């Protein structure tokens, strides 16, 4: 049974294994990490000590998962858009106190506890920055410990939600396979131990008949159909696109906040409602 909420949207989480504890950014569930020594310390929205892997080589893993393409050239931030990523700018100033890098924001991948599902070959992935930053930022996507995609953004970034469109980047996911994706803030390229990492997972699944029928039934609010069928990435993307088109619509923002709380991201949900 799908949980009901004040906003009227319930997210049905798929059964994908026992969830691990998540603190701040980072990922729970589904994956088991290889033995690689002591796990990196995590504080707030992110994790320390992860170094971005080189393309084509096996990815280093801390906390479970895999990695995975060729990055486009990125210019300066313009209108909140950075290559395939877009950010909102209607959030209040808030300085993150991470405890490991002065002035470092928190970074959160917006995913469920275990692998988030998508029915798209090229879904949009979202992450959240709690404050403005001039730090370099890496996004990687990995499969079976191999890096398929790596994108580095060296331009200033405003606090808010950012979108990484796999369609714009020309990347397609294979059905039935589980990919890990990481967002890494790099305070100092010479000190990898200061890196702030948040990790999520995405799995492409086929469109079931029930979902097809509900998408027709809920044509004007298809995010409800996606959420009720456990299809995370399309539910969040549909909601975010509606909010971008109607930035003053508090009902839509409340529904997004509610979805985020249902998958264990109450801090991000609250910050987006401020």
C-alpha atoms as a PDB file:
ATOM      1  CA  UNK A   1       0.000   0.000   0.000  1.00  0.00           C
ATOM      2  CA  UNK A   2       1.323   3.418  -0.931  1.00  0.00           C
ATOM      3  CA  UNK A   3       1.574   5.769   2.083  1.00  0.00           C
ATOM      4  CA  UNK A   4      -0.625   8.823   2.019  1.00  0.00           C
ATOM      5  CA  UNK A   5       0.826  12.207   2.872  1.00  0.00           C
ATOM      6  CA  UNK A   6      -0.333  15.724   3.560  1.00  0.00           C
ATOM      7  CA  UNK A   7       0.676  16.648   0.025  1.00  0.00           C
ATOM      8  CA  UNK A   8      -1.198  13.670  -1.406  1.00  0.00           C
ATOM      9  CA  UNK A   9       1.837  12.010  -3.018  1.00  0.00           C
ATOM     10  CA  UNK A  10       3.235   8.744  -1.760  1.00  0.00           C
ATOM     11  CA  UNK A  11       6.453   7.096  -2.883  1.00  0.00           C
ATOM     12  CA  UNK A  12       6.424   3.307  -3.005  1.00  0.00           C
ATOM     13  CA  UNK A  13       9.986   2.184  -2.387  1.00  0.00           C
ATOM     14  CA  UNK A  14      10.960  -0.992  -4.276  1.00  0.00           C
ATOM     15  CA  UNK A  15      12.333  -3.889  -2.239  1.00  0.00           C
ATOM     16  CA  UNK A  16      16.031  -3.879  -3.050  1.00  0.00           C
ATOM     17  CA  UNK A  17      17.703  -5.225   0.062  1.00  0.00           C
ATOM     18  CA  UNK A  18      18.226  -3.950   3.564  1.00  0.00           C
ATOM     19  CA  UNK A  19      19.058  -0.287   3.857  1.00  0.00           C
ATOM     20  CA  UNK A  20      22.311   0.834   5.419  1.00  0.00           C
ATOM     21  CA  UNK A  21      22.427   3.890   7.653  1.00  0.00           C
ATOM     22  CA  UNK A  22      22.940   7.125   5.783  1.00  0.00           C
ATOM     23  CA  UNK A  23      24.395  10.233   7.408  1.00  0.00           C
ATOM     24  CA  UNK A  24      24.150  13.416   5.399  1.00  0.00           C
ATOM     25  CA  UNK A  25      24.908  12.734   1.739  1.00  0.00           C
ATOM     26  CA  UNK A  26      25.842   9.261   0.645  1.00  0.00           C
ATOM     27  CA  UNK A  27      23.983   6.087  -0.170  1.00  0.00           C
ATOM     28  CA  UNK A  28      22.355   3.226   1.658  1.00  0.00           C
ATOM     29  CA  UNK A  29      21.415  -0.300   0.752  1.00  0.00           C
ATOM     30  CA  UNK A  30      21.725  -2.832  -2.076  1.00  0.00           C
ATOM     31  CA  UNK A  31      25.509  -2.758  -2.503  1.00  0.00           C
ATOM     32  CA  UNK A  32      28.243  -4.278  -0.363  1.00  0.00           C
ATOM     33  CA  UNK A  33      31.572  -2.534  -0.256  1.00  0.00           C
ATOM     34  CA  UNK A  34      34.765  -4.497  -0.924  1.00  0.00           C
ATOM     35  CA  UNK A  35      37.278  -4.641   1.899  1.00  0.00           C
ATOM     36  CA  UNK A  36      39.537  -1.677   1.367  1.00  0.00           C
ATOM     37  CA  UNK A  37      40.777  -0.814   4.856  1.00  0.00           C
ATOM     38  CA  UNK A  38      39.169   1.771   7.088  1.00  0.00           C
ATOM     39  CA  UNK A  39      36.045   3.446   5.730  1.00  0.00           C
ATOM     40  CA  UNK A  40      36.241   7.178   5.130  1.00  0.00           C
ATOM     41  CA  UNK A  41      34.682   9.421   7.752  1.00  0.00           C
ATOM     42  CA  UNK A  42      31.383  10.993   6.806  1.00  0.00           C
ATOM     43  CA  UNK A  43      30.113  14.280   8.193  1.00  0.00           C
ATOM     44  CA  UNK A  44      26.931  16.078   7.179  1.00  0.00           C
ATOM     45  CA  UNK A  45      26.129  15.829   3.493  1.00  0.00           C
ATOM     46  CA  UNK A  46      29.081  13.936   2.141  1.00  0.00           C
ATOM     47  CA  UNK A  47      32.044  11.753   2.878  1.00  0.00           C
ATOM     48  CA  UNK A  48      35.762  12.405   3.171  1.00  0.00           C
ATOM     49  CA  UNK A  49      38.648  10.634   1.524  1.00  0.00           C
ATOM     50  CA  UNK A  50      37.335   9.594  -1.893  1.00  0.00           C
ATOM     51  CA  UNK A  51      39.548  10.391  -4.892  1.00  0.00           C
ATOM     52  CA  UNK A  52      37.866  10.557  -8.336  1.00  0.00           C
ATOM     53  CA  UNK A  53      38.990   7.566 -10.450  1.00  0.00           C
ATOM     54  CA  UNK A  54      40.615   7.935 -13.838  1.00  0.00           C
ATOM     55  CA  UNK A  55      38.394   7.195 -16.806  1.00  0.00           C
ATOM     56  CA  UNK A  56      38.617   3.632 -18.011  1.00  0.00           C
ATOM     57  CA  UNK A  57      40.139   2.306 -14.802  1.00  0.00           C
ATOM     58  CA  UNK A  58      38.479   0.407 -12.005  1.00  0.00           C
ATOM     59  CA  UNK A  59      36.897   2.857  -9.588  1.00  0.00           C
ATOM     60  CA  UNK A  60      37.901   3.050  -5.963  1.00  0.00           C
ATOM     61  CA  UNK A  61      34.931   2.275  -3.758  1.00  0.00           C
ATOM     62  CA  UNK A  62      34.132   3.340  -0.242  1.00  0.00           C
ATOM     63  CA  UNK A  63      30.663   2.585   1.058  1.00  0.00           C
ATOM     64  CA  UNK A  64      29.561   0.331  -1.789  1.00  0.00           C
ATOM     65  CA  UNK A  65      28.723   0.811  -5.441  1.00  0.00           C
ATOM     66  CA  UNK A  66      30.340   1.182  -8.864  1.00  0.00           C
ATOM     67  CA  UNK A  67      31.190   3.997 -11.255  1.00  0.00           C
ATOM     68  CA  UNK A  68      30.665   5.247 -15.192  1.00  0.00           C
ATOM     69  CA  UNK A  69      31.784   8.478 -20.465  1.00  0.00           C
ATOM     70  CA  UNK A  70      33.322  11.703 -21.951  1.00  0.00           C
ATOM     71  CA  UNK A  71      32.646  15.050 -20.345  1.00  0.00           C
ATOM     72  CA  UNK A  72      31.427  18.030 -22.398  1.00  0.00           C
ATOM     73  CA  UNK A  73      33.260  21.343 -22.194  1.00  0.00           C
ATOM     74  CA  UNK A  74      31.705  23.574 -19.589  1.00  0.00           C
ATOM     75  CA  UNK A  75      31.615  27.341 -19.503  1.00  0.00           C
ATOM     76  CA  UNK A  76      30.761  29.703 -16.691  1.00  0.00           C
ATOM     77  CA  UNK A  77      27.541  29.389 -14.762  1.00  0.00           C
ATOM     78  CA  UNK A  78      24.786  31.160 -16.679  1.00  0.00           C
ATOM     79  CA  UNK A  79      21.218  31.337 -15.485  1.00  0.00           C
ATOM     80  CA  UNK A  80      21.872  28.567 -12.989  1.00  0.00           C
ATOM     81  CA  UNK A  81      22.910  26.108 -15.688  1.00  0.00           C
ATOM     82  CA  UNK A  82      26.212  24.239 -15.748  1.00  0.00           C
ATOM     83  CA  UNK A  83      26.440  21.981 -18.781  1.00  0.00           C
ATOM     84  CA  UNK A  84      23.900  19.229 -18.139  1.00  0.00           C
ATOM     85  CA  UNK A  85      23.179  20.520 -14.620  1.00  0.00           C
ATOM     86  CA  UNK A  86      20.680  23.155 -13.600  1.00  0.00           C
ATOM     87  CA  UNK A  87      20.316  24.799 -10.182  1.00  0.00           C
ATOM     88  CA  UNK A  88      17.613  26.745  -8.439  1.00  0.00           C
ATOM     89  CA  UNK A  89      18.402  30.077  -6.842  1.00  0.00           C
ATOM     90  CA  UNK A  90      15.393  30.766  -4.625  1.00  0.00           C
ATOM     91  CA  UNK A  91      17.034  29.420  -1.458  1.00  0.00           C
ATOM     92  CA  UNK A  92      18.174  31.498   1.544  1.00  0.00           C
ATOM     93  CA  UNK A  93      21.814  31.944   2.475  1.00  0.00           C
ATOM     94  CA  UNK A  94      22.950  29.152   4.752  1.00  0.00           C
ATOM     95  CA  UNK A  95      26.514  28.237   5.627  1.00  0.00           C
ATOM     96  CA  UNK A  96      27.242  24.557   6.139  1.00  0.00           C
ATOM     97  CA  UNK A  97      29.335  23.618   9.163  1.00  0.00           C
ATOM     98  CA  UNK A  98      30.862  20.373   7.938  1.00  0.00           C
ATOM     99  CA  UNK A  99      33.757  20.240  10.369  1.00  0.00           C
ATOM    100  CA  UNK A 100      36.391  19.216   7.827  1.00  0.00           C
ATOM    101  CA  UNK A 101      36.771  22.078   5.354  1.00  0.00           C
ATOM    102  CA  UNK A 102      36.159  25.682   6.312  1.00  0.00           C
ATOM    103  CA  UNK A 103      33.281  27.114   4.312  1.00  0.00           C
ATOM    104  CA  UNK A 104      32.548  23.773   2.614  1.00  0.00           C
ATOM    105  CA  UNK A 105      28.889  23.164   1.737  1.00  0.00           C
ATOM    106  CA  UNK A 106      27.104  19.878   2.170  1.00  0.00           C
ATOM    107  CA  UNK A 107      26.408  17.850  -0.979  1.00  0.00           C
ATOM    108  CA  UNK A 108      23.579  15.331  -1.228  1.00  0.00           C
ATOM    109  CA  UNK A 109      22.632  13.040  -4.097  1.00  0.00           C
ATOM    110  CA  UNK A 110      18.827  12.981  -4.201  1.00  0.00           C
ATOM    111  CA  UNK A 111      18.178   9.249  -4.195  1.00  0.00           C
ATOM    112  CA  UNK A 112      16.202   6.710  -2.168  1.00  0.00           C
ATOM    113  CA  UNK A 113      17.838   4.538   0.487  1.00  0.00           C
ATOM    114  CA  UNK A 114      18.756   1.844  -2.034  1.00  0.00           C
ATOM    115  CA  UNK A 115      18.954   2.022  -5.823  1.00  0.00           C
ATOM    116  CA  UNK A 116      16.483   4.516  -7.308  1.00  0.00           C
ATOM    117  CA  UNK A 117      14.530   3.167 -10.264  1.00  0.00           C
ATOM    118  CA  UNK A 118      14.089   4.735 -13.695  1.00  0.00           C
ATOM    119  CA  UNK A 119      12.200   3.662 -16.815  1.00  0.00           C
ATOM    120  CA  UNK A 120      14.254   5.968 -19.018  1.00  0.00           C
ATOM    121  CA  UNK A 121      17.404   5.003 -20.909  1.00  0.00           C
ATOM    122  CA  UNK A 122      18.779   8.474 -20.129  1.00  0.00           C
ATOM    123  CA  UNK A 123      17.265   9.800 -16.906  1.00  0.00           C
ATOM    124  CA  UNK A 124      18.089  13.017 -15.097  1.00  0.00           C
ATOM    125  CA  UNK A 125      20.029  12.749 -11.836  1.00  0.00           C
ATOM    126  CA  UNK A 126      19.733  15.408  -9.141  1.00  0.00           C
ATOM    127  CA  UNK A 127      21.972  16.560  -6.314  1.00  0.00           C
ATOM    128  CA  UNK A 128      21.781  19.391  -3.816  1.00  0.00           C
ATOM    129  CA  UNK A 129      24.392  21.905  -2.617  1.00  0.00           C
ATOM    130  CA  UNK A 130      23.643  23.589   0.719  1.00  0.00           C
ATOM    131  CA  UNK A 131      25.695  26.716  -0.003  1.00  0.00           C
ATOM    132  CA  UNK A 132      27.489  28.656  -2.729  1.00  0.00           C
ATOM    133  CA  UNK A 133      30.950  27.335  -3.508  1.00  0.00           C
ATOM    134  CA  UNK A 134      33.892  27.886  -5.796  1.00  0.00           C
ATOM    135  CA  UNK A 135      35.247  24.378  -5.209  1.00  0.00           C
ATOM    136  CA  UNK A 136      35.788  22.015  -8.109  1.00  0.00           C
ATOM    137  CA  UNK A 137      33.078  19.380  -8.385  1.00  0.00           C
ATOM    138  CA  UNK A 138      33.239  15.941  -9.984  1.00  0.00           C
ATOM    139  CA  UNK A 139      30.311  13.787 -11.130  1.00  0.00           C
ATOM    140  CA  UNK A 140      31.057  10.166 -12.016  1.00  0.00           C
ATOM    141  CA  UNK A 141      28.862   7.270 -13.147  1.00  0.00           C
ATOM    142  CA  UNK A 142      30.155   3.730 -12.749  1.00  0.00           C
ATOM    143  CA  UNK A 143      29.211   0.171 -13.563  1.00  0.00           C
ATOM    144  CA  UNK A 144      30.906  -2.923 -12.153  1.00  0.00           C
ATOM    145  CA  UNK A 145      33.808  -0.853 -10.806  1.00  0.00           C
ATOM    146  CA  UNK A 146      34.447   0.743 -14.175  1.00  0.00           C
ATOM    147  CA  UNK A 147      34.076   4.487 -14.701  1.00  0.00           C
ATOM    148  CA  UNK A 148      31.824   5.138 -17.703  1.00  0.00           C
ATOM    149  CA  UNK A 149      31.470   8.871 -17.228  1.00  0.00           C
ATOM    150  CA  UNK A 150      33.325  11.649 -15.461  1.00  0.00           C
ATOM    151  CA  UNK A 151      32.408  15.320 -15.475  1.00  0.00           C
ATOM    152  CA  UNK A 152      34.367  18.024 -13.687  1.00  0.00           C
ATOM    153  CA  UNK A 153      32.927  21.482 -13.062  1.00  0.00           C
ATOM    154  CA  UNK A 154      35.487  24.136 -12.113  1.00  0.00           C
ATOM    155  CA  UNK A 155      33.221  27.187 -12.284  1.00  0.00           C
ATOM    156  CA  UNK A 156      31.439  28.726  -9.243  1.00  0.00           C
ATOM    157  CA  UNK A 157      28.240  27.010  -8.182  1.00  0.00           C
ATOM    158  CA  UNK A 158      25.261  28.492  -6.348  1.00  0.00           C
ATOM    159  CA  UNK A 159      23.418  26.662  -3.598  1.00  0.00           C
ATOM    160  CA  UNK A 160      20.401  24.694  -4.775  1.00  0.00           C
ATOM    161  CA  UNK A 161      19.324  21.642  -6.737  1.00  0.00           C
ATOM    162  CA  UNK A 162      21.396  20.617  -9.755  1.00  0.00           C
ATOM    163  CA  UNK A 163      20.328  18.401 -12.616  1.00  0.00           C
ATOM    164  CA  UNK A 164      22.622  16.109 -14.585  1.00  0.00           C
ATOM    165  CA  UNK A 165      20.796  15.133 -17.781  1.00  0.00           C
ATOM    166  CA  UNK A 166      22.129  11.871 -19.207  1.00  0.00           C
ATOM    167  CA  UNK A 167      20.133  12.590 -22.385  1.00  0.00           C
ATOM    168  CA  UNK A 168      22.044  15.853 -22.928  1.00  0.00           C
ATOM    169  CA  UNK A 169      25.300  14.021 -22.263  1.00  0.00           C
ATOM    170  CA  UNK A 170      24.442  11.246 -24.739  1.00  0.00           C
ATOM    171  CA  UNK A 171      24.615   8.439 -22.173  1.00  0.00           C
ATOM    172  CA  UNK A 172      22.201   5.497 -22.016  1.00  0.00           C
ATOM    173  CA  UNK A 173      21.722   2.977 -19.198  1.00  0.00           C
ATOM    174  CA  UNK A 174      21.223  -0.704 -19.885  1.00  0.00           C
ATOM    175  CA  UNK A 175      17.995  -2.189 -18.595  1.00  0.00           C
ATOM    176  CA  UNK A 176      18.353  -4.321 -15.475  1.00  0.00           C
ATOM    177  CA  UNK A 177      21.792  -3.038 -14.507  1.00  0.00           C
ATOM    178  CA  UNK A 178      22.558  -1.011 -11.405  1.00  0.00           C
ATOM    179  CA  UNK A 179      24.867   1.987 -11.759  1.00  0.00           C
ATOM    180  CA  UNK A 180      26.500   4.006  -9.015  1.00  0.00           C
ATOM    181  CA  UNK A 181      26.901   7.753  -9.348  1.00  0.00           C
ATOM    182  CA  UNK A 182      28.939  10.104  -7.203  1.00  0.00           C
ATOM    183  CA  UNK A 183      29.130  13.828  -6.626  1.00  0.00           C
ATOM    184  CA  UNK A 184      32.437  14.948  -5.140  1.00  0.00           C
ATOM    185  CA  UNK A 185      33.394  18.412  -3.914  1.00  0.00           C
ATOM    186  CA  UNK A 186      37.164  18.958  -3.991  1.00  0.00           C
ATOM    187  CA  UNK A 187      38.321  21.615  -1.485  1.00  0.00           C
ATOM    188  CA  UNK A 188      41.991  21.019  -2.314  1.00  0.00           C
ATOM    189  CA  UNK A 189      43.115  18.853  -5.269  1.00  0.00           C
ATOM    190  CA  UNK A 190      46.383  18.222  -3.423  1.00  0.00           C
ATOM    191  CA  UNK A 191      44.578  16.798  -0.371  1.00  0.00           C
ATOM    192  CA  UNK A 192      42.211  14.040  -1.403  1.00  0.00           C
ATOM    193  CA  UNK A 193      41.353  13.345   2.237  1.00  0.00           C
ATOM    194  CA  UNK A 194      39.309  16.570   2.274  1.00  0.00           C
ATOM    195  CA  UNK A 195      37.051  15.485  -0.598  1.00  0.00           C
ATOM    196  CA  UNK A 196      33.330  15.588   0.217  1.00  0.00           C
ATOM    197  CA  UNK A 197      31.438  12.755  -1.460  1.00  0.00           C
ATOM    198  CA  UNK A 198      27.798  11.751  -1.800  1.00  0.00           C
ATOM    199  CA  UNK A 199      26.875   8.527  -3.583  1.00  0.00           C
ATOM    200  CA  UNK A 200      23.672   7.179  -5.122  1.00  0.00           C
ATOM    201  CA  UNK A 201      22.510   4.370  -7.384  1.00  0.00           C
ATOM    202  CA  UNK A 202      20.215   4.123 -10.391  1.00  0.00           C
ATOM    203  CA  UNK A 203      18.668   1.066 -12.020  1.00  0.00           C
ATOM    204  CA  UNK A 204      16.699   1.052 -15.257  1.00  0.00           C
ATOM    205  CA  UNK A 205      13.589  -1.163 -15.271  1.00  0.00           C
ATOM    206  CA  UNK A 206      10.908  -1.838 -17.910  1.00  0.00           C
ATOM    207  CA  UNK A 207       7.633   0.101 -17.949  1.00  0.00           C
ATOM    208  CA  UNK A 208       4.902  -2.057 -16.453  1.00  0.00           C
ATOM    209  CA  UNK A 209       1.315  -2.007 -17.703  1.00  0.00           C
ATOM    210  CA  UNK A 210       0.046  -0.582 -14.403  1.00  0.00           C
ATOM    211  CA  UNK A 211       2.364   2.401 -14.762  1.00  0.00           C
ATOM    212  CA  UNK A 212       1.350   2.962 -18.395  1.00  0.00           C
ATOM    213  CA  UNK A 213      -2.304   3.078 -17.367  1.00  0.00           C
ATOM    214  CA  UNK A 214      -1.649   5.440 -14.463  1.00  0.00           C
ATOM    215  CA  UNK A 215       0.392   7.785 -16.643  1.00  0.00           C
ATOM    216  CA  UNK A 216      -2.636   8.165 -18.907  1.00  0.00           C
ATOM    217  CA  UNK A 217      -4.969   8.578 -15.932  1.00  0.00           C
ATOM    218  CA  UNK A 218      -2.733  11.189 -14.261  1.00  0.00           C
ATOM    219  CA  UNK A 219      -1.684  12.975 -17.429  1.00  0.00           C
ATOM    220  CA  UNK A 220      -1.403  16.389 -15.769  1.00  0.00           C
ATOM    221  CA  UNK A 221       0.442  15.086 -12.690  1.00  0.00           C
ATOM    222  CA  UNK A 222       2.440  12.142 -13.943  1.00  0.00           C
ATOM    223  CA  UNK A 223       4.912  12.442 -11.069  1.00  0.00           C
ATOM    224  CA  UNK A 224       2.176  10.950  -8.865  1.00  0.00           C
ATOM    225  CA  UNK A 225       1.999   7.850 -11.075  1.00  0.00           C
ATOM    226  CA  UNK A 226       5.778   7.466 -11.063  1.00  0.00           C
ATOM    227  CA  UNK A 227       5.977   7.899  -7.278  1.00  0.00           C
ATOM    228  CA  UNK A 228       3.187   5.440  -6.597  1.00  0.00           C
ATOM    229  CA  UNK A 229       4.991   2.850  -8.730  1.00  0.00           C
ATOM    230  CA  UNK A 230       8.374   3.397  -7.093  1.00  0.00           C
ATOM    231  CA  UNK A 231       9.948   5.066 -10.141  1.00  0.00           C
ATOM    232  CA  UNK A 232      12.083   7.612  -8.318  1.00  0.00           C
ATOM    233  CA  UNK A 233      14.028   9.483 -10.975  1.00  0.00           C
ATOM    234  CA  UNK A 234      11.039  10.320 -13.185  1.00  0.00           C
ATOM    235  CA  UNK A 235       8.918  11.295 -10.169  1.00  0.00           C
ATOM    236  CA  UNK A 236      11.554  13.755  -8.953  1.00  0.00           C
ATOM    237  CA  UNK A 237      12.325  15.049 -12.450  1.00  0.00           C
ATOM    238  CA  UNK A 238       8.652  15.693 -13.278  1.00  0.00           C
ATOM    239  CA  UNK A 239       8.192  17.570 -10.006  1.00  0.00           C
ATOM    240  CA  UNK A 240      11.361  19.625 -10.441  1.00  0.00           C
ATOM    241  CA  UNK A 241      10.419  20.597 -14.001  1.00  0.00           C
ATOM    242  CA  UNK A 242       6.992  21.743 -12.797  1.00  0.00           C
ATOM    243  CA  UNK A 243       8.590  23.785 -10.017  1.00  0.00           C
ATOM    244  CA  UNK A 244      11.007  25.424 -12.447  1.00  0.00           C
ATOM    245  CA  UNK A 245       8.034  26.403 -14.594  1.00  0.00           C
ATOM    246  CA  UNK A 246       6.055  27.582 -11.528  1.00  0.00           C
ATOM    247  CA  UNK A 247       8.649  28.652  -8.924  1.00  0.00           C
ATOM    248  CA  UNK A 248       6.047  30.258  -6.623  1.00  0.00           C
ATOM    249  CA  UNK A 249       3.849  27.168  -6.437  1.00  0.00           C
ATOM    250  CA  UNK A 250       4.146  26.137  -2.779  1.00  0.00           C
ATOM    251  CA  UNK A 251       1.964  23.040  -3.291  1.00  0.00           C
ATOM    252  CA  UNK A 252       4.459  21.547  -5.738  1.00  0.00           C
ATOM    253  CA  UNK A 253       7.380  22.412  -3.454  1.00  0.00           C
ATOM    254  CA  UNK A 254       5.587  20.792  -0.524  1.00  0.00           C
ATOM    255  CA  UNK A 255       5.015  17.631  -2.553  1.00  0.00           C
ATOM    256  CA  UNK A 256       8.708  17.510  -3.515  1.00  0.00           C
ATOM    257  CA  UNK A 257       9.699  18.049   0.102  1.00  0.00           C
ATOM    258  CA  UNK A 258       7.383  15.238   1.142  1.00  0.00           C
ATOM    259  CA  UNK A 259       8.910  12.861  -1.403  1.00  0.00           C
ATOM    260  CA  UNK A 260      12.407  13.637  -0.144  1.00  0.00           C
ATOM    261  CA  UNK A 261      11.371  12.986   3.454  1.00  0.00           C
ATOM    262  CA  UNK A 262       9.896   9.625   2.471  1.00  0.00           C
ATOM    263  CA  UNK A 263      13.286   8.441   1.205  1.00  0.00           C
ATOM    264  CA  UNK A 264      15.273   9.651   4.206  1.00  0.00           C
ATOM    265  CA  UNK A 265      16.328  13.154   3.151  1.00  0.00           C
ATOM    266  CA  UNK A 266      14.512  15.352   5.692  1.00  0.00           C
ATOM    267  CA  UNK A 267      17.331  17.904   5.991  1.00  0.00           C
ATOM    268  CA  UNK A 268      17.290  18.624   2.252  1.00  0.00           C
ATOM    269  CA  UNK A 269      13.494  18.655   2.265  1.00  0.00           C
ATOM    270  CA  UNK A 270      13.452  21.274   5.017  1.00  0.00           C
ATOM    271  CA  UNK A 271      16.133  23.443   3.399  1.00  0.00           C
ATOM    272  CA  UNK A 272      14.212  23.491   0.120  1.00  0.00           C
ATOM    273  CA  UNK A 273      11.111  24.749   1.937  1.00  0.00           C
ATOM    274  CA  UNK A 274      12.847  27.676   3.646  1.00  0.00           C
END
